[in-house]
């Protein structure tokens, strides 16, 4: 009736079969893609593969299925669906590229949390470059637009945008430099300008820092790159701390240092290695200032360690009778009595062979430069292996010398112990403990050096002490005894002469 209005029946049948075949292929491809995605998700959840690798394989499989669908389309239908297929292919290619970048950084950089790669500016930059390339290629394929001509013709617009965003662009490039040079990483404690805190993240524009007050500070990357930057975790995580501790002028340094060293060994948060020390920093008109140097394990432990050290120093000063000097001066109206500070039992020093021939004035100067220590029965005075730079004169009481758990000698008033550590610098060779209430005069190297300067004949007595020590260890006529005495005297000369 209307010839040519409807296609022949055979043609309609062929179109129906092609449509059913295409629909089956599409449904099968989608079903296969969903199955692959489910399998990869299951493997990821079980920890067999990482999240970036699962995403990369999923989108590569999607690209492969898309290519199979496109190759199976008839030419006429493929030409009509070219635009949609191209857009879908570009989208999948971009997603695969993003997952490939994430997988690359997952392998090259440490993970912030299990299965998730740490954030990285170069990571985002590579994704942006991939997007720019795919957008340019897509515009050329779909619209035949040349992206280069557009960028060339808009040079003025580009200059205006660049000038208006110069701070943002500066922060971007500074962030890239920070990522490449890596002066710090997430988790490091830093100081940039007047801000101190822990680095939590480095973004395109900002470095995020959490301070000790638990406040988050956003530092522009260009400001971080320009300011003076201090990394407290490099090259080592332990930090040196210095505290100033005042002490009265009349307190001998050996007494104050001993109190501070004891406090440092008891303070929580102070590392044993490197060893903490106490040094005389300054002598002022009304006080002596000591520098207390110690090390802590982490930056955020500064206040707690300082509290522990200062508290321990306060108690040690109280226990040993050391007054913390007040900021004001005291006016003394009475006449000083030189016997007031002279310790009891000083007469016992006259029996010490090492000090024989010293005048009473010299004895008085030695006691002023030393410290009198009191010990209860059973209290340890020295321990084997510990470092020491003092020796003690027994003023009253009785002490026992123990080597290897066996008592080898008992020392009475007028005798000395600890002299080898002071004279040679070697560690303590025996344990010394009080047998009964004991009072000792403890002398350090500086005090003994003062005695040597006034009485050089003591040097011969020191040589005799070394000879007796070597003879006690070996036969007196043995060459080894003479060599040992010579070596000990050489160490003494290196310390004092």
Foldseek 3Di string as FASTA:
>chain_A
DDPPPDDDPVVVVVVVVLVVVLVVLVVVLVVVLVVLLVVLVVCCVVPNDFPLVSQLVSLVSVLVSLVVSLVPHDPVVSVVCVLVSLVVNLVSVLSNQLSVLQVVQPVVAPPPDPRGGADALVSVVSSVVSVVVSVQVSCCVPVVDHVVVVCVVCVVVVVVVCVVCVLLVLLQVLLVVCRVVVPDDAQWWKDFPNATAGFHHRYRFWTWGQGLVRDIDTHGSNSSVPTDMGTCPPPHAKDKDKDKAKFFPQDAPVLLQVQLLVLLVPFPQFDPPVPWGKAFDDDDPGITIIITITMGRHPSCVVSRVVSSVVSSVVSCVVQVIDRDDPDDDDDDDDDDLCPQPDPLLVLQCLAPLPDPDDPVLSSLLLSNWDKDKAAAPAWDFAFPAWDQKKKAWSAAKKFWAAPNRTDDMDGHNDMPPVLCNQQVGTHRTIMGGRHITMIIMGGNVSVLVVCVVPVVSLVVVLVVLLVVLCVVDPSPDPVSVVSSVVSSVSNVVSRD
